[in-house]
């Protein structure tokens, strides 16, 4: 399934109203699919000017930037929606990791969703992006950002984003090569310190991945946040990163009326393989023998013959 097909499966937009955040020129939900409002931090005209030099956005072969319905530059999403809230769904692709306070952001999203409404997330898997060398974020990281009411990436987040950026070859990592990617650019440590100082000294905004995840670490973090009652969601489904891809898919469902402990207990389970680097393909043998060897390895490691796959409940 493509990301768009997964989004359609998660939110079933026909006959419903929803919001897609930051679609730019690649929306997952089209207007022909159902009533959808596109939200971004800038107007359509401003976005076209901002990306005027980006061929993938405005080039001859690029799709057109969508018309933005909700401009969030000087207002919150609830303010922009007004009387059109509550909505049935929200879609956010490669947005969560840029949010300084994910807990506060998710609470805001919950505020515009009807009970039972869903938030569909596309999340980069750090194992296959330039975040390769970064340590996965913890529940404590997200709690701290929420308690301090963070609005921009912290000096530590900015430093790690720049200092650890790696030139990852996604197919190579999946195939068992590319496990020691080179730095993305020269003098990364020096640049990281300069940017971190800018944030610390003057509150300079620097667009970074404030949080990073694998599918397994995501479940661990958000299970804790749900159990604490910090977000009124349950994890309805998680689809781990497909082979040769770099992102995974999460569907959160608003269940405000349910006890946090019950919502946390319903969190899907994933095989730990979705936190580790993928096993290299077994070469020089037939597919049946290779599959048998992998099955034996999985049994030794986990005591289970279950094939790693999507976690889901109700």
Protein backbone atom coordinates (compact mmCIF):
# COMPACT_ATOMS: atom_id res chain seq x y z
CA UNK A 1 0.00 0.00 0.00
CA UNK A 2 1.11 3.55 -0.71
CA UNK A 3 1.07 6.21 2.03
CA UNK A 4 -2.05 7.68 0.41
CA UNK A 5 -3.80 4.30 0.42
CA UNK A 6 -2.91 3.83 4.09
CA UNK A 7 -4.29 7.28 4.92
CA UNK A 8 -7.54 6.56 3.08
CA UNK A 9 -7.84 3.25 4.92
CA UNK A 10 -7.29 4.92 8.30
CA UNK A 11 -9.63 7.93 7.99
CA UNK A 12 -12.24 6.81 5.39
CA UNK A 13 -12.91 10.42 4.33
CA UNK A 14 -16.04 9.91 2.23
CA UNK A 15 -18.96 11.68 3.91
CA UNK A 16 -16.73 13.10 6.63
CA UNK A 17 -14.87 16.33 7.30
CA UNK A 18 -11.21 16.45 8.22
CA UNK A 19 -7.97 18.42 8.21
CA UNK A 20 -4.63 17.63 6.62
CA UNK A 21 -1.66 19.47 8.10
CA UNK A 22 1.18 20.71 5.88
CA UNK A 23 0.27 18.85 2.66
CA UNK A 24 2.25 21.30 0.47
CA UNK A 25 2.10 19.70 -3.00
CA UNK A 26 1.61 16.09 -1.93
CA UNK A 27 -1.66 15.76 0.00
CA UNK A 28 -2.62 12.30 1.16
CA UNK A 29 -6.32 13.16 1.15
CA UNK A 30 -7.66 14.81 -2.01
CA UNK A 31 -10.69 17.07 -2.17
CA UNK A 32 -12.38 14.48 -4.36
CA UNK A 33 -12.08 11.95 -1.52
CA UNK A 34 -14.33 13.95 0.81
CA UNK A 35 -14.48 17.27 2.62
CA UNK A 36 -10.92 18.12 3.65
CA UNK A 37 -9.40 21.38 4.84
CA UNK A 38 -5.70 21.97 4.20
CA UNK A 39 -3.79 23.73 6.98
CA UNK A 40 -0.29 25.21 6.88
CA UNK A 41 1.80 27.78 8.70
CA UNK A 42 1.68 30.10 5.66
CA UNK A 43 -0.71 31.05 2.89
CA UNK A 44 -0.56 29.40 -0.53
CA UNK A 45 1.13 32.47 -2.02
CA UNK A 46 3.73 32.59 0.75
CA UNK A 47 4.49 28.89 0.30
CA UNK A 48 5.01 29.34 -3.42
CA UNK A 49 7.50 32.11 -2.74
CA UNK A 50 9.23 30.12 0.02
CA UNK A 51 9.73 27.09 -2.24
CA UNK A 52 10.41 28.99 -5.45
CA UNK A 53 13.89 27.43 -5.71
CA UNK A 54 12.80 23.88 -4.84
CA UNK A 55 12.32 21.89 -8.04
CA UNK A 56 10.52 19.09 -6.23
CA UNK A 57 7.85 21.58 -5.10
CA UNK A 58 7.51 24.08 -7.94
CA UNK A 59 9.56 22.51 -10.75
CA UNK A 60 8.16 21.49 -14.11
CA UNK A 61 7.61 17.90 -12.92
CA UNK A 62 6.24 18.83 -9.51
CA UNK A 63 2.61 18.76 -8.44
CA UNK A 64 0.90 22.06 -7.66
CA UNK A 65 0.94 23.36 -4.10
CA UNK A 66 -2.56 22.94 -2.69
CA UNK A 67 -4.76 25.90 -1.83
CA UNK A 68 -4.40 26.42 1.92
CA UNK A 69 -7.73 26.76 3.75
CA UNK A 70 -6.42 27.32 7.27
CA UNK A 71 -3.40 29.60 7.71
CA UNK A 72 -1.83 28.98 11.13
CA UNK A 73 0.86 31.65 11.14
CA UNK A 74 -0.95 33.89 13.66
CA UNK A 75 -3.61 31.59 15.05
CA UNK A 76 -4.03 28.13 16.49
CA UNK A 77 -5.73 25.29 14.66
CA UNK A 78 -8.86 25.51 16.89
CA UNK A 79 -9.05 29.25 16.22
CA UNK A 80 -8.67 28.73 12.48
CA UNK A 81 -11.37 26.05 12.40
CA UNK A 82 -13.86 27.96 14.50
CA UNK A 83 -17.41 26.65 14.21
CA UNK A 84 -16.33 23.94 11.73
CA UNK A 85 -14.98 21.90 14.63
CA UNK A 86 -15.21 19.16 15.69
CA UNK A 87 -13.87 17.23 12.72
CA UNK A 88 -13.76 13.50 12.04
CA UNK A 89 -10.07 13.12 11.28
CA UNK A 90 -6.69 14.84 11.07
CA UNK A 91 -3.82 13.73 8.84
CA UNK A 92 -0.22 14.76 9.57
CA UNK A 93 2.66 13.39 7.48
CA UNK A 94 6.19 14.12 8.76
CA UNK A 95 4.87 16.74 11.18
CA UNK A 96 5.09 15.20 14.66
CA UNK A 97 8.90 15.10 14.76
CA UNK A 98 9.12 18.88 14.19
CA UNK A 99 6.83 19.74 17.13
CA UNK A 100 8.62 21.12 20.20
CA UNK A 101 5.84 20.04 22.58
CA UNK A 102 4.18 16.92 21.15
CA UNK A 103 1.98 16.42 24.22
CA UNK A 104 0.56 19.94 23.95
CA UNK A 105 0.15 19.57 20.19
CA UNK A 106 -1.73 16.29 20.55
CA UNK A 107 -4.00 17.85 23.17
CA UNK A 108 -4.76 20.63 20.69
CA UNK A 109 -5.52 18.09 17.97
CA UNK A 110 -7.79 16.20 20.36
CA UNK A 111 -9.64 19.42 21.03
CA UNK A 112 -10.83 19.67 17.42
CA UNK A 113 -11.68 15.96 17.00
CA UNK A 114 -15.01 14.42 17.86
CA UNK A 115 -14.83 11.49 20.27
CA UNK A 116 -13.91 8.47 18.18
CA UNK A 117 -12.18 10.69 15.61
CA UNK A 118 -8.74 9.68 14.37
CA UNK A 119 -5.34 11.23 13.88
CA UNK A 120 -3.30 9.54 11.15
CA UNK A 121 0.45 10.06 11.46
CA UNK A 122 3.26 9.30 9.04
CA UNK A 123 6.45 9.21 11.14
CA UNK A 124 10.05 8.90 9.91
CA UNK A 125 11.88 5.86 11.27
CA UNK A 126 15.24 7.08 12.58
CA UNK A 127 16.93 3.88 11.42
CA UNK A 128 16.49 4.93 7.78
CA UNK A 129 16.84 8.73 7.85
CA UNK A 130 19.54 11.28 8.61
CA UNK A 131 18.62 10.69 12.30
CA UNK A 132 20.41 7.33 12.05
CA UNK A 133 22.89 8.07 14.86
CA UNK A 134 20.43 9.80 17.21
CA UNK A 135 19.10 8.19 20.38
CA UNK A 136 15.32 7.58 20.29
CA UNK A 137 13.28 10.04 22.30
CA UNK A 138 11.84 8.94 25.65
CA UNK A 139 8.60 9.66 27.45
CA UNK A 140 10.65 11.78 29.84
CA UNK A 141 11.85 13.93 26.94
CA UNK A 142 8.28 14.63 25.86
CA UNK A 143 7.06 15.23 29.42
CA UNK A 144 9.88 17.73 30.02
CA UNK A 145 9.07 19.64 26.82
CA UNK A 146 5.42 19.79 27.88
CA UNK A 147 6.09 20.93 31.43
CA UNK A 148 8.41 23.69 30.22
CA UNK A 149 5.86 24.71 27.54
CA UNK A 150 8.44 24.43 24.79
CA UNK A 151 7.67 26.34 21.61
CA UNK A 152 10.96 25.79 19.77
CA UNK A 153 13.54 23.01 19.68
CA UNK A 154 15.81 23.05 22.73
CA UNK A 155 19.57 23.68 22.46
CA UNK A 156 20.12 19.95 23.03
CA UNK A 157 17.66 18.98 20.27
CA UNK A 158 19.19 21.44 17.84
CA UNK A 159 22.70 20.24 18.65
CA UNK A 160 21.83 16.58 18.18
CA UNK A 161 19.90 17.25 14.95
CA UNK A 162 22.90 18.94 13.35
CA UNK A 163 25.76 17.02 14.95
CA UNK A 164 24.39 13.53 14.19
CA UNK A 165 22.99 14.14 10.69
CA UNK A 166 24.05 11.22 8.50
CA UNK A 167 24.02 10.67 4.73
CA UNK A 168 21.92 7.51 4.85
CA UNK A 169 21.45 5.25 1.85
CA UNK A 170 18.04 3.71 2.62
CA UNK A 171 18.25 0.67 0.29
CA UNK A 172 21.78 -0.04 1.52
CA UNK A 173 20.69 -0.06 5.17
CA UNK A 174 17.83 -2.41 4.37
CA UNK A 175 20.12 -4.74 2.45
CA UNK A 176 22.66 -4.99 5.27
CA UNK A 177 25.15 -2.47 3.92
CA UNK A 178 25.39 1.22 4.77
CA UNK A 179 25.49 0.61 8.52
CA UNK A 180 28.13 3.31 9.11
CA UNK A 181 26.87 6.27 7.06
CA UNK A 182 29.13 9.28 6.64
CA UNK A 183 28.36 12.69 8.19
CA UNK A 184 26.02 14.73 6.06
CA UNK A 185 28.37 17.71 5.82
CA UNK A 186 31.74 18.99 7.04
CA UNK A 187 32.30 20.58 10.46
CA UNK A 188 29.04 19.25 11.85
CA UNK A 189 30.07 19.49 15.50
CA UNK A 190 31.12 23.12 15.12
CA UNK A 191 27.93 23.99 13.26
CA UNK A 192 25.84 22.18 15.84
CA UNK A 193 27.36 24.24 18.65
CA UNK A 194 26.79 27.50 16.76
CA UNK A 195 23.11 26.71 16.22
CA UNK A 196 22.61 25.46 19.77
CA UNK A 197 24.13 28.67 21.12
CA UNK A 198 21.80 30.70 18.92
CA UNK A 199 18.81 28.98 20.49
CA UNK A 200 20.17 29.30 24.04
CA UNK A 201 21.23 32.94 23.74
CA UNK A 202 18.42 34.50 21.71
CA UNK A 203 15.61 32.00 21.32
CA UNK A 204 16.44 31.62 17.61
CA UNK A 205 14.07 29.23 15.84
CA UNK A 206 15.81 26.41 14.00
CA UNK A 207 13.67 23.80 12.23
CA UNK A 208 14.82 20.41 13.55
CA UNK A 209 13.56 16.98 14.41
CA UNK A 210 12.77 17.61 18.06
CA UNK A 211 11.88 13.97 18.61
CA UNK A 212 12.97 10.76 16.86
CA UNK A 213 11.48 7.27 16.94
CA UNK A 214 11.51 3.71 15.77
CA UNK A 215 8.12 1.94 15.63
CA UNK A 216 8.88 0.11 18.89
CA UNK A 217 10.15 3.19 20.71
CA UNK A 218 7.08 5.14 19.56
CA UNK A 219 4.79 2.59 21.20
CA UNK A 220 6.78 2.70 24.44
CA UNK A 221 6.71 6.50 24.63
CA UNK A 222 3.06 6.96 23.79
CA UNK A 223 1.88 4.09 25.97
CA UNK A 224 3.36 5.98 28.93
CA UNK A 225 1.83 9.30 27.86
CA UNK A 226 -1.58 7.66 27.49
CA UNK A 227 -1.28 5.92 30.88
CA UNK A 228 -0.44 9.25 32.50
CA UNK A 229 -3.62 10.77 31.10
CA UNK A 230 -1.65 13.40 29.21
CA UNK A 231 -3.29 12.65 25.85
CA UNK A 232 -6.89 11.40 25.33
CA UNK A 233 -5.98 8.92 22.60
CA UNK A 234 -5.53 5.20 22.16
CA UNK A 235 -3.18 3.70 19.60
CA UNK A 236 -5.66 2.06 17.25
CA UNK A 237 -3.08 0.77 14.78
CA UNK A 238 0.60 0.91 13.95
CA UNK A 239 2.10 -0.28 10.67
CA UNK A 240 5.86 -0.73 11.03
CA UNK A 241 8.21 0.56 8.37
CA UNK A 242 7.75 -1.45 5.16
CA UNK A 243 10.88 -2.93 3.63
CA UNK A 244 12.95 -0.35 1.71
CA UNK A 245 10.80 2.50 3.08
CA UNK A 246 11.80 5.08 5.71
CA UNK A 247 8.55 5.81 7.56
CA UNK A 248 5.91 4.06 9.63
CA UNK A 249 2.20 4.74 10.11
CA UNK A 250 0.18 5.30 13.27
CA UNK A 251 -3.55 5.76 13.79
CA UNK A 252 -4.53 7.39 17.08
CA UNK A 253 -8.20 7.34 18.07
CA UNK A 254 -9.70 9.85 20.51
CA UNK A 255 -11.26 7.96 23.42
CA UNK A 256 -11.66 10.64 26.07
CA UNK A 257 -14.37 8.74 27.94
CA UNK A 258 -12.18 5.69 28.54
CA UNK A 259 -9.89 5.31 31.53
CA UNK A 260 -6.23 6.11 30.68
CA UNK A 261 -5.06 2.78 32.07
CA UNK A 262 -7.48 0.92 29.81
CA UNK A 263 -6.40 2.91 26.78
CA UNK A 264 -2.73 2.28 27.57
CA UNK A 265 -3.35 -1.44 28.10
CA UNK A 266 -4.85 -1.66 24.61
CA UNK A 267 -1.60 -0.48 22.99
CA UNK A 268 -0.60 -2.85 20.16
CA UNK A 269 2.51 -5.00 20.45
CA UNK A 270 5.34 -5.18 17.95
CA UNK A 271 8.20 -7.62 17.54
CA UNK A 272 11.45 -6.02 18.83
CA UNK A 273 12.85 -6.46 15.33
CA UNK A 274 11.17 -3.16 14.52
CA UNK A 275 13.60 -1.36 16.83
CA UNK A 276 16.77 -2.96 15.51
CA UNK A 277 18.52 -2.62 12.20
CA UNK A 278 16.98 -5.07 9.72
CA UNK A 279 18.57 -8.43 9.15
CA UNK A 280 20.63 -8.58 5.98
CA UNK A 281 19.20 -10.81 3.25
CA UNK A 282 20.58 -14.33 3.33
CA UNK A 283 22.57 -14.82 0.15
CA UNK A 284 23.57 -17.94 -1.73
CA UNK A 285 20.62 -20.14 -0.78
CA UNK A 286 17.07 -20.76 -1.86
CA UNK A 287 14.19 -18.69 -0.45
CA UNK A 288 12.73 -21.61 1.54
CA UNK A 289 16.01 -22.32 3.33
CA UNK A 290 16.56 -18.61 3.97
CA UNK A 291 13.06 -18.33 5.45
CA UNK A 292 13.66 -21.36 7.66
CA UNK A 293 16.89 -19.90 9.00
CA UNK A 294 15.20 -16.60 9.81
CA UNK A 295 12.36 -18.41 11.55
CA UNK A 296 14.85 -20.33 13.68
CA UNK A 297 16.67 -17.12 14.57
CA UNK A 298 13.43 -15.44 15.57
CA UNK A 299 12.44 -18.37 17.78
CA UNK A 300 15.79 -18.31 19.55
CA UNK A 301 15.57 -14.58 20.13
CA UNK A 302 11.95 -14.15 21.12
CA UNK A 303 10.55 -17.59 21.82
CA UNK A 304 7.88 -16.93 19.21
CA UNK A 305 7.31 -17.98 15.63
CA UNK A 306 5.00 -15.01 15.04
CA UNK A 307 5.89 -13.11 11.90
CA UNK A 308 6.68 -9.46 12.72
CA UNK A 309 3.97 -7.22 11.37
CA UNK A 310 1.45 -4.54 12.07
CA UNK A 311 0.09 -4.14 15.57
CA UNK A 312 -3.58 -3.37 15.83
CA UNK A 313 -6.57 -3.53 18.09
CA UNK A 314 -10.30 -2.84 17.75
